[in-house]
C-alpha atoms as a PDB file:
ATOM      1  CA  MET A   1     -48.101  28.072  21.479  1.00  0.00           C
ATOM      2  CA  ARG A   2     -50.635  29.901  19.322  1.00  0.00           C
ATOM      3  CA  ASN A   3     -48.781  28.917  16.159  1.00  0.00           C
ATOM      4  CA  PHE A   4     -48.659  25.292  17.287  1.00  0.00           C
ATOM      5  CA  LEU A   5     -52.433  25.240  17.917  1.00  0.00           C
ATOM      6  CA  LEU A   6     -53.053  26.805  14.533  1.00  0.00           C
ATOM      7  CA  PHE A   7     -50.846  24.161  12.943  1.00  0.00           C
ATOM      8  CA  VAL A   8     -52.730  21.319  14.685  1.00  0.00           C
ATOM      9  CA  ARG A   9     -56.072  22.832  13.722  1.00  0.00           C
ATOM     10  CA  ARG A  10     -55.030  23.182  10.112  1.00  0.00           C
ATOM     11  CA  PHE A  11     -53.708  19.625   9.742  1.00  0.00           C
ATOM     12  CA  PHE A  12     -55.970  17.952  12.321  1.00  0.00           C
ATOM     13  CA  ASN A  13     -57.465  15.483   9.855  1.00  0.00           C
ATOM     14  CA  LEU A  14     -54.065  14.392   8.545  1.00  0.00           C
ATOM     15  CA  ILE A  15     -52.636  14.036  12.054  1.00  0.00           C
ATOM     16  CA  LEU A  16     -55.663  12.007  13.184  1.00  0.00           C
ATOM     17  CA  PHE A  17     -55.347   9.762  10.140  1.00  0.00           C
ATOM     18  CA  LEU A  18     -51.635   9.076  10.748  1.00  0.00           C
ATOM     19  CA  PHE A  19     -52.310   8.433  14.463  1.00  0.00           C
ATOM     20  CA  LEU A  20     -55.016   5.881  13.676  1.00  0.00           C
ATOM     21  CA  GLU A  21     -52.835   4.254  11.015  1.00  0.00           C
ATOM     22  CA  ALA A  22     -50.050   3.864  13.585  1.00  0.00           C
ATOM     23  CA  ILE A  23     -52.460   2.204  16.036  1.00  0.00           C
ATOM     24  CA  CYS A  24     -53.569  -0.195  13.294  1.00  0.00           C
ATOM     25  CA  PHE A  25     -49.989  -1.172  12.482  1.00  0.00           C
ATOM     26  CA  VAL A  26     -49.224  -1.739  16.178  1.00  0.00           C
ATOM     27  CA  LEU A  27     -52.297  -3.933  16.586  1.00  0.00           C
ATOM     28  CA  LEU A  28     -51.416  -5.931  13.491  1.00  0.00           C
ATOM     29  CA  ALA A  29     -47.816  -6.335  14.573  1.00  0.00           C
ATOM     30  CA  ARG A  30     -48.851  -7.686  17.990  1.00  0.00           C
ATOM     31  CA  THR A  31     -51.010 -10.399  16.515  1.00  0.00           C
ATOM     32  CA  ASN A  32     -49.766 -13.644  15.046  1.00  0.00           C
ATOM     33  CA  SER A  33     -51.673 -13.103  11.830  1.00  0.00           C
ATOM     34  CA  ILE A  34     -50.105 -13.200   8.423  1.00  0.00           C
ATOM     35  CA  GLN A  35     -50.488  -9.435   8.173  1.00  0.00           C
ATOM     36  CA  GLY A  36     -48.711  -9.002  11.508  1.00  0.00           C
ATOM     37  CA  ASN A  37     -45.764 -11.069  10.331  1.00  0.00           C
ATOM     38  CA  ASP A  38     -45.588  -9.056   7.139  1.00  0.00           C
ATOM     39  CA  VAL A  39     -45.573  -5.802   9.091  1.00  0.00           C
ATOM     40  CA  MET A  40     -42.748  -6.989  11.375  1.00  0.00           C
ATOM     41  CA  SER A  41     -40.764  -8.284   8.424  1.00  0.00           C
ATOM     42  CA  SER A  42     -41.116  -4.959   6.603  1.00  0.00           C
ATOM     43  CA  ALA A  43     -40.196  -3.039   9.729  1.00  0.00           C
ATOM     44  CA  ASN A  44     -37.076  -5.157  10.270  1.00  0.00           C
ATOM     45  CA  THR A  45     -36.077  -4.681   6.649  1.00  0.00           C
ATOM     46  CA  PHE A  46     -36.480  -0.923   6.912  1.00  0.00           C
ATOM     47  CA  VAL A  47     -34.536  -0.738  10.168  1.00  0.00           C
ATOM     48  CA  GLY A  48     -31.816  -2.957   8.690  1.00  0.00           C
ATOM     49  CA  ILE A  49     -31.450  -0.662   5.688  1.00  0.00           C
ATOM     50  CA  VAL A  50     -31.216   2.385   7.951  1.00  0.00           C
ATOM     51  CA  TYR A  51     -28.571   0.722  10.127  1.00  0.00           C
ATOM     52  CA  LYS A  52     -26.582  -0.327   7.064  1.00  0.00           C
ATOM     53  CA  LYS A  53     -26.599   3.197   5.674  1.00  0.00           C
ATOM     54  CA  GLN A  54     -25.536   4.503   9.066  1.00  0.00           C
ATOM     55  CA  ALA A  55     -22.702   1.962   9.201  1.00  0.00           C
ATOM     56  CA  ASP A  56     -21.604   2.844   5.655  1.00  0.00           C
ATOM     57  CA  VAL A  57     -21.402   6.532   6.566  1.00  0.00           C
ATOM     58  CA  ALA A  58     -19.422   5.782   9.732  1.00  0.00           C
ATOM     59  CA  TYR A  59     -17.145   3.445   7.766  1.00  0.00           C
ATOM     60  CA  TYR A  60     -16.474   6.132   5.161  1.00  0.00           C
ATOM     61  CA  PHE A  61     -15.474   8.754   7.730  1.00  0.00           C
ATOM     62  CA  ASN A  62     -13.287   6.224   9.563  1.00  0.00           C
ATOM     63  CA  LEU A  63     -11.397   5.104   6.449  1.00  0.00           C
ATOM     64  CA  ARG A  64      -8.364   7.255   7.151  1.00  0.00           C
ATOM     65  CA  GLU A  65      -8.069   5.981  10.711  1.00  0.00           C
ATOM     66  CA  MET A  66      -8.453   2.402   9.473  1.00  0.00           C
ATOM     67  CA  ASN A  67      -5.844   2.922   6.750  1.00  0.00           C
ATOM     68  CA  ASP A  68      -3.387   4.364   9.261  1.00  0.00           C
ATOM     69  CA  SER A  69      -3.953   1.398  11.546  1.00  0.00           C
ATOM     70  CA  LEU A  70      -3.417  -1.113   8.738  1.00  0.00           C
ATOM     71  CA  PHE A  71      -0.380   0.801   7.529  1.00  0.00           C
ATOM     72  CA  ASN A  72       1.235   0.699  10.967  1.00  0.00           C
ATOM     73  CA  GLU A  73       0.475  -3.000  11.259  1.00  0.00           C
ATOM     74  CA  ASN A  74       2.115  -3.606   7.875  1.00  0.00           C
ATOM     75  CA  LEU A  75       5.080  -1.568   9.064  1.00  0.00           C
ATOM     76  CA  ARG A  76       5.440  -3.795  12.119  1.00  0.00           C
ATOM     77  CA  LEU A  77       5.076  -7.014  10.128  1.00  0.00           C
ATOM     78  CA  ARG A  78       7.523  -5.893   7.449  1.00  0.00           C
ATOM     79  CA  SER A  79      10.099  -5.089  10.105  1.00  0.00           C
ATOM     80  CA  LEU A  80       9.527  -8.444  11.753  1.00  0.00           C
ATOM     81  CA  LEU A  81       9.951 -10.200   8.418  1.00  0.00           C
ATOM     82  CA  SER A  82      13.165  -8.298   7.818  1.00  0.00           C
ATOM     83  CA  ALA A  83      14.433  -9.478  11.186  1.00  0.00           C
ATOM     84  CA  THR A  84      13.906 -13.146  10.415  1.00  0.00           C
ATOM     85  CA  LYS A  85      16.209 -12.758   7.425  1.00  0.00           C
ATOM     86  CA  THR A  86      19.076 -11.205   9.390  1.00  0.00           C
ATOM     87  CA  VAL A  87      19.223 -13.193  12.638  1.00  0.00           C
ATOM     88  CA  ASP A  88      22.622 -14.870  13.060  1.00  0.00           C
ATOM     89  CA  THR A  89      21.442 -18.412  13.840  1.00  0.00           C
ATOM     90  CA  LEU A  90      25.020 -19.702  13.987  1.00  0.00           C
ATOM     91  CA  LYS A  91      25.868 -17.270  16.740  1.00  0.00           C
ATOM     92  CA  ASP A  92      22.747 -17.770  18.814  1.00  0.00           C
ATOM     93  CA  SER A  93      20.156 -20.256  17.600  1.00  0.00           C
ATOM     94  CA  THR A  94      17.913 -19.495  20.575  1.00  0.00           C
ATOM     95  CA  ALA A  95      18.065 -15.730  20.253  1.00  0.00           C
ATOM     96  CA  SER A  96      14.792 -13.950  20.699  1.00  0.00           C
ATOM     97  CA  LEU A  97      13.682 -11.376  18.161  1.00  0.00           C
ATOM     98  CA  PRO A  98      13.857  -7.972  19.886  1.00  0.00           C
ATOM     99  CA  PHE A  99      11.304  -5.538  18.567  1.00  0.00           C
ATOM    100  CA  THR A 100      10.876  -1.856  19.279  1.00  0.00           C
ATOM    101  CA  GLU A 101       7.245  -0.736  19.321  1.00  0.00           C
ATOM    102  CA  ILE A 102       6.207   1.920  16.834  1.00  0.00           C
ATOM    103  CA  ASP A 103       6.430   5.304  18.519  1.00  0.00           C
ATOM    104  CA  SER A 104       4.642   8.560  17.766  1.00  0.00           C
ATOM    105  CA  THR A 105       6.893   9.144  14.752  1.00  0.00           C
ATOM    106  CA  HIS A 106       5.889   5.798  13.224  1.00  0.00           C
ATOM    107  CA  ILE A 107       9.464   4.549  12.957  1.00  0.00           C
ATOM    108  CA  VAL A 108      10.588   0.968  13.486  1.00  0.00           C
ATOM    109  CA  HIS A 109      14.260   0.145  14.110  1.00  0.00           C
ATOM    110  CA  TYR A 110      15.037  -3.463  13.439  1.00  0.00           C
ATOM    111  CA  ALA A 111      17.748  -5.673  11.979  1.00  0.00           C
ATOM    112  CA  ASP A 112      19.591  -4.038   9.059  1.00  0.00           C
ATOM    113  CA  TYR A 113      16.780  -1.689   8.099  1.00  0.00           C
ATOM    114  CA  VAL A 114      14.777   1.192   9.496  1.00  0.00           C
ATOM    115  CA  PHE A 115      11.283   1.644   8.053  1.00  0.00           C
ATOM    116  CA  ARG A 116       9.594   5.044   8.139  1.00  0.00           C
ATOM    117  CA  GLU A 117       6.005   5.441   7.016  1.00  0.00           C
ATOM    118  CA  ALA A 118       4.908   8.404   4.928  1.00  0.00           C
ATOM    119  CA  HIS A 119       1.843   9.711   3.126  1.00  0.00           C
ATOM    120  CA  VAL A 120       1.977  10.550  -0.573  1.00  0.00           C
ATOM    121  CA  ILE A 121       0.866  14.157  -1.125  1.00  0.00           C
ATOM    122  CA  ASN A 122       1.752  14.497  -4.817  1.00  0.00           C
ATOM    123  CA  ASN A 123       2.373  11.958  -7.559  1.00  0.00           C
ATOM    124  CA  SER A 124       2.877  11.900 -11.327  1.00  0.00           C
ATOM    125  CA  VAL A 125       2.659   8.919 -13.693  1.00  0.00           C
ATOM    126  CA  ILE A 126       2.614  10.389 -17.216  1.00  0.00           C
ATOM    127  CA  ALA A 127       5.940  12.258 -17.411  1.00  0.00           C
ATOM    128  CA  GLU A 128       9.193  10.882 -18.794  1.00  0.00           C
ATOM    129  CA  ASN A 129      10.658  10.949 -15.292  1.00  0.00           C
ATOM    130  CA  ASN A 130       7.975  10.846 -12.621  1.00  0.00           C
ATOM    131  CA  PHE A 131       8.332  12.178  -9.094  1.00  0.00           C
ATOM    132  CA  ILE A 132       6.452  11.576  -5.856  1.00  0.00           C
ATOM    133  CA  THR A 133       6.271  13.962  -2.885  1.00  0.00           C
ATOM    134  CA  ILE A 134       5.837  12.632   0.662  1.00  0.00           C
ATOM    135  CA  ASP A 135       5.170  14.350   3.998  1.00  0.00           C
ATOM    136  CA  ARG A 136       8.431  13.282   5.640  1.00  0.00           C
ATOM    137  CA  GLY A 137      11.833  14.962   5.482  1.00  0.00           C
ATOM    138  CA  SER A 138      15.152  15.384   7.251  1.00  0.00           C
ATOM    139  CA  ASN A 139      13.384  16.237  10.510  1.00  0.00           C
ATOM    140  CA  GLN A 140      11.940  12.719  10.451  1.00  0.00           C
ATOM    141  CA  GLY A 141      15.232  11.036   9.497  1.00  0.00           C
ATOM    142  CA  ILE A 142      14.784  10.874   5.722  1.00  0.00           C
ATOM    143  CA  GLN A 143      17.954  11.161   3.644  1.00  0.00           C
ATOM    144  CA  LYS A 144      18.848  11.175  -0.029  1.00  0.00           C
ATOM    145  CA  ASN A 145      19.318   7.831  -1.809  1.00  0.00           C
ATOM    146  CA  MET A 146      17.025   5.910   0.542  1.00  0.00           C
ATOM    147  CA  ALA A 147      14.822   3.257  -1.048  1.00  0.00           C
ATOM    148  CA  VAL A 148      11.053   3.673  -1.030  1.00  0.00           C
ATOM    149  CA  ILE A 149       8.589   0.799  -1.200  1.00  0.00           C
ATOM    150  CA  SER A 150       4.842   0.336  -0.867  1.00  0.00           C
ATOM    151  CA  GLY A 151       2.887  -2.379   0.859  1.00  0.00           C
ATOM    152  CA  CYS A 152       2.932  -4.278  -2.445  1.00  0.00           C
ATOM    153  CA  GLY A 153       6.237  -3.558  -4.177  1.00  0.00           C
ATOM    154  CA  ILE A 154       8.982  -1.080  -5.040  1.00  0.00           C
ATOM    155  CA  VAL A 155       8.308   2.647  -5.522  1.00  0.00           C
ATOM    156  CA  GLY A 156      11.527   4.597  -6.072  1.00  0.00           C
ATOM    157  CA  GLU A 157      14.467   6.470  -4.546  1.00  0.00           C
ATOM    158  CA  VAL A 158      14.654   9.627  -2.436  1.00  0.00           C
ATOM    159  CA  VAL A 159      16.416  12.332  -4.465  1.00  0.00           C
ATOM    160  CA  HIS A 160      15.596  15.611  -2.677  1.00  0.00           C
ATOM    161  CA  VAL A 161      14.943  16.304   1.009  1.00  0.00           C
ATOM    162  CA  SER A 162      13.750  19.361   2.930  1.00  0.00           C
ATOM    163  CA  GLY A 163      12.853  19.686   6.589  1.00  0.00           C
ATOM    164  CA  ASN A 164       9.443  18.037   6.391  1.00  0.00           C
ATOM    165  CA  PHE A 165       9.085  16.854   2.796  1.00  0.00           C
ATOM    166  CA  SER A 166      10.928  14.613   0.373  1.00  0.00           C
ATOM    167  CA  SER A 167      10.890  14.083  -3.376  1.00  0.00           C
ATOM    168  CA  ILE A 168      11.132  10.566  -4.761  1.00  0.00           C
ATOM    169  CA  LEU A 169      12.253   9.578  -8.232  1.00  0.00           C
ATOM    170  CA  SER A 170       9.649   6.994  -9.118  1.00  0.00           C
ATOM    171  CA  VAL A 171      10.472   3.634 -10.697  1.00  0.00           C
ATOM    172  CA  LEU A 172       8.515   5.114 -13.601  1.00  0.00           C
ATOM    173  CA  ASN A 173      11.539   6.889 -15.055  1.00  0.00           C
ATOM    174  CA  VAL A 174      13.811   6.398 -18.047  1.00  0.00           C
ATOM    175  CA  LYS A 175      17.021   7.190 -16.142  1.00  0.00           C
ATOM    176  CA  ARG A 176      17.636   4.187 -13.924  1.00  0.00           C
ATOM    177  CA  LYS A 177      17.203   0.436 -13.911  1.00  0.00           C
ATOM    178  CA  VAL A 178      16.567  -1.908 -10.989  1.00  0.00           C
ATOM    179  CA  SER A 179      18.442  -5.158 -10.461  1.00  0.00           C
ATOM    180  CA  ALA A 180      15.871  -7.949 -10.427  1.00  0.00           C
ATOM    181  CA  LYS A 181      15.588 -11.719 -10.322  1.00  0.00           C
ATOM    182  CA  LEU A 182      13.175 -14.510 -11.113  1.00  0.00           C
ATOM    183  CA  LYS A 183      12.158 -16.987  -8.436  1.00  0.00           C
ATOM    184  CA  ASP A 184      14.951 -19.371  -9.513  1.00  0.00           C
ATOM    185  CA  GLY A 185      17.592 -16.644  -9.051  1.00  0.00           C
ATOM    186  CA  THR A 186      18.085 -15.671 -12.704  1.00  0.00           C
ATOM    187  CA  THR A 187      18.943 -11.967 -12.725  1.00  0.00           C
ATOM    188  CA  GLY A 188      18.273  -9.095 -15.084  1.00  0.00           C
ATOM    189  CA  PHE A 189      17.352  -5.417 -15.039  1.00  0.00           C
ATOM    190  CA  VAL A 190      13.916  -3.847 -14.770  1.00  0.00           C
ATOM    191  CA  SER A 191      13.183  -0.566 -16.512  1.00  0.00           C
ATOM    192  CA  TRP A 192      10.231   1.532 -17.617  1.00  0.00           C
ATOM    193  CA  GLU A 193       9.589   2.422 -21.246  1.00  0.00           C
ATOM    194  CA  ASN A 194       7.623   5.634 -20.683  1.00  0.00           C
ATOM    195  CA  ASN A 195       4.186   4.392 -21.669  1.00  0.00           C
ATOM    196  CA  ASP A 196       1.928   2.437 -19.313  1.00  0.00           C
ATOM    197  CA  PRO A 197       2.446   3.181 -15.558  1.00  0.00           C
ATOM    198  CA  ASN A 198       1.314  -0.362 -14.784  1.00  0.00           C
ATOM    199  CA  MET A 199       3.879  -2.016 -17.051  1.00  0.00           C
ATOM    200  CA  LEU A 200       7.616  -2.589 -16.471  1.00  0.00           C
ATOM    201  CA  VAL A 201      10.185  -4.416 -18.599  1.00  0.00           C
ATOM    202  CA  LEU A 202      12.730  -7.040 -17.498  1.00  0.00           C
ATOM    203  CA  ASP A 203      15.549  -7.786 -19.956  1.00  0.00           C
ATOM    204  CA  ASP A 204      18.819  -9.762 -20.059  1.00  0.00           C
ATOM    205  CA  ILE A 205      17.011 -13.055 -19.406  1.00  0.00           C
ATOM    206  CA  PRO A 206      18.514 -16.025 -21.364  1.00  0.00           C
ATOM    207  CA  GLY A 207      16.318 -17.227 -24.194  1.00  0.00           C
ATOM    208  CA  GLU A 208      16.360 -20.839 -23.035  1.00  0.00           C
ATOM    209  CA  LYS A 209      15.096 -19.951 -19.553  1.00  0.00           C
ATOM    210  CA  LYS A 210      11.562 -21.195 -18.986  1.00  0.00           C
ATOM    211  CA  VAL A 211       9.368 -18.314 -17.844  1.00  0.00           C
ATOM    212  CA  TYR A 212       5.618 -18.501 -17.388  1.00  0.00           C
ATOM    213  CA  ARG A 213       2.867 -15.967 -17.167  1.00  0.00           C
ATOM    214  CA  ASN A 214       2.273 -14.670 -13.615  1.00  0.00           C
ATOM    215  CA  ASP A 215       5.784 -15.656 -12.474  1.00  0.00           C
ATOM    216  CA  SER A 216       6.978 -13.238  -9.766  1.00  0.00           C
ATOM    217  CA  VAL A 217       9.972 -10.935 -10.134  1.00  0.00           C
ATOM    218  CA  PHE A 218      11.841  -9.680  -7.048  1.00  0.00           C
ATOM    219  CA  THR A 219      14.650  -7.289  -6.123  1.00  0.00           C
ATOM    220  CA  THR A 220      18.165  -8.622  -5.610  1.00  0.00           C
ATOM    221  CA  ASN A 221      20.892  -8.004  -3.035  1.00  0.00           C
ATOM    222  CA  TYR A 222      22.566  -5.733  -5.594  1.00  0.00           C
ATOM    223  CA  SER A 223      19.737  -3.233  -5.890  1.00  0.00           C
ATOM    224  CA  LEU A 224      18.983  -0.128  -3.878  1.00  0.00           C
ATOM    225  CA  PHE A 225      16.010  -1.918  -2.348  1.00  0.00           C
ATOM    226  CA  PRO A 226      16.022  -4.671   0.257  1.00  0.00           C
ATOM    227  CA  ALA A 227      16.259  -8.105  -1.334  1.00  0.00           C
ATOM    228  CA  ASP A 228      13.137 -10.094  -2.248  1.00  0.00           C
ATOM    229  CA  VAL A 229      10.748  -7.147  -2.509  1.00  0.00           C
ATOM    230  CA  LEU A 230       8.168  -7.890  -5.196  1.00  0.00           C
ATOM    231  CA  ILE A 231       8.559  -5.837  -8.369  1.00  0.00           C
ATOM    232  CA  GLY A 232       5.817  -7.358 -10.479  1.00  0.00           C
ATOM    233  CA  THR A 233       4.531 -10.444 -12.272  1.00  0.00           C
ATOM    234  CA  VAL A 234       5.162 -11.621 -15.825  1.00  0.00           C
ATOM    235  CA  TRP A 235       2.391 -10.656 -18.232  1.00  0.00           C
ATOM    236  CA  LYS A 236       3.953 -11.554 -21.591  1.00  0.00           C
ATOM    237  CA  ARG A 237       7.359 -12.141 -23.170  1.00  0.00           C
ATOM    238  CA  LYS A 238       9.141 -11.877 -26.467  1.00  0.00           C
ATOM    239  CA  ILE A 239      12.527 -12.938 -27.839  1.00  0.00           C
ATOM    240  CA  ASN A 240      15.168 -10.510 -29.051  1.00  0.00           C
ATOM    241  CA  LYS A 241      16.326 -12.348 -32.169  1.00  0.00           C
ATOM    242  CA  LYS A 242      19.635 -10.483 -32.309  1.00  0.00           C
ATOM    243  CA  THR A 243      20.748 -11.479 -28.810  1.00  0.00           C
ATOM    244  CA  ASN A 244      18.525 -14.542 -28.269  1.00  0.00           C
ATOM    245  CA  GLN A 245      17.472 -13.067 -24.942  1.00  0.00           C
ATOM    246  CA  GLN A 246      13.998 -12.763 -23.509  1.00  0.00           C
ATOM    247  CA  ILE A 247      12.257  -9.486 -22.836  1.00  0.00           C
ATOM    248  CA  LEU A 248       9.624  -9.876 -20.129  1.00  0.00           C
ATOM    249  CA  PHE A 249       6.764  -7.449 -19.683  1.00  0.00           C
ATOM    250  CA  LEU A 250       5.692  -7.161 -16.047  1.00  0.00           C
ATOM    251  CA  ARG A 251       2.574  -5.917 -14.367  1.00  0.00           C
ATOM    252  CA  SER A 252       3.847  -3.636 -11.610  1.00  0.00           C
ATOM    253  CA  ALA A 253       3.090  -4.830  -8.076  1.00  0.00           C
ATOM    254  CA  THR A 254       2.641  -1.199  -6.996  1.00  0.00           C
ATOM    255  CA  ASN A 255      -0.403   0.648  -8.245  1.00  0.00           C
ATOM    256  CA  PHE A 256       1.196   4.007  -9.024  1.00  0.00           C
ATOM    257  CA  ARG A 257      -2.105   5.568 -10.063  1.00  0.00           C
ATOM    258  CA  ASN A 258      -3.529   5.111  -6.568  1.00  0.00           C
ATOM    259  CA  LEU A 259      -0.455   5.388  -4.345  1.00  0.00           C
ATOM    260  CA  GLN A 260      -1.309   6.773  -0.900  1.00  0.00           C
ATOM    261  CA  TYR A 261       1.173   5.306   1.589  1.00  0.00           C
ATOM    262  CA  VAL A 262       4.846   4.359   1.302  1.00  0.00           C
ATOM    263  CA  TYR A 263       7.722   3.123   3.454  1.00  0.00           C
ATOM    264  CA  VAL A 264      11.089   4.878   3.316  1.00  0.00           C
ATOM    265  CA  VAL A 265      13.797   2.300   3.989  1.00  0.00           C
ATOM    266  CA  GLU A 266      17.105   3.120   5.637  1.00  0.00           C
ATOM    267  CA  ASP A 267      19.832   0.523   5.152  1.00  0.00           C
ATOM    268  CA  LYS A 268      21.917   0.731   8.333  1.00  0.00           C
ATOM    269  CA  MET A 269      24.740  -1.265   6.721  1.00  0.00           C
ATOM    270  CA  LYS A 270      24.920   0.810   3.537  1.00  0.00           C
ATOM    271  CA  LYS A 271      27.614   3.254   4.679  1.00  0.00           C
ATOM    272  CA  GLU A 272      29.915   0.473   5.873  1.00  0.00           C
ATOM    273  CA  LYS A 273      29.438  -1.373   2.598  1.00  0.00           C
ATOM    274  CA  THR A 274      29.990   1.768   0.510  1.00  0.00           C
ATOM    275  CA  ASP A 275      33.143   2.690   2.428  1.00  0.00           C
ATOM    276  CA  LEU A 276      34.515  -0.827   1.955  1.00  0.00           C
ATOM    277  CA  GLU A 277      33.829  -0.803  -1.766  1.00  0.00           C
ATOM    278  CA  ALA A 278      35.448   2.631  -2.049  1.00  0.00           C
ATOM    279  CA  THR A 279      38.731   1.201  -0.804  1.00  0.00           C
ATOM    280  CA  HIS A 280      38.816  -1.170  -3.770  1.00  0.00           C
ATOM    281  CA  LYS A 281      38.247   1.675  -6.194  1.00  0.00           C
ATOM    282  CA  ASP A 282      41.043   3.690  -4.578  1.00  0.00           C
ATOM    283  CA  GLY A 283      43.387   0.715  -4.752  1.00  0.00           C
ATOM    284  CA  LYS A 284      43.999   0.671  -1.016  1.00  0.00           C
END
């Protein structure tokens, strides 16, 4: 108490001045004068700025929760979209679309595919063969050779799996090509030329085929990925004079430099298809 009284005594003049100033502002604000309106306007502006800063801080700390929510919603919508492409309308044109809610493991079982969400915890984009590490493994149902996509486009293929982590061979590699098609169904192969992580190359397109800038390129039924997943859009093209075929340069639909979330896709019909194709190779 003694220290408080000493403080008040020392700064009495300043405290009295601020107190009187506050009374003046209150009196001005309660009048309808021009000065009163200015005071209220300034006060509202100040309070608005404070509230906005407070909201920005809260928004920043809630970003992860918001991203998770949006990611799960995308997971649900992607599964629903997959279902509409696999319903046997000849067998039952009035069939409802059964949907299993996302459980605590963030897995959706639907139609021919199972989508599992995962967070990217490591990623490379400048190597000759780039790899991505995710926080899901065999304990969460991940297996080798599963396709991986983002909310925007293709990502890669699972190549190594441990209990709780998986390694993905990114599309940004010089080893493998992806079967792709233009919107009219013309097919070719997409590859990466080990330079720009935002740029892919589509070749084997006939020279007479009309292709325009910003045309979309999608996966085919012959690729590892589900059909009609966006790969990228045409940025420029050139003609191979030896083969008279077009080489299309694509802007990747997936931003590999800022990849945070992915979907690991299980094709439930893959084993049956692989076993059937194996019989042809064995001559049975």
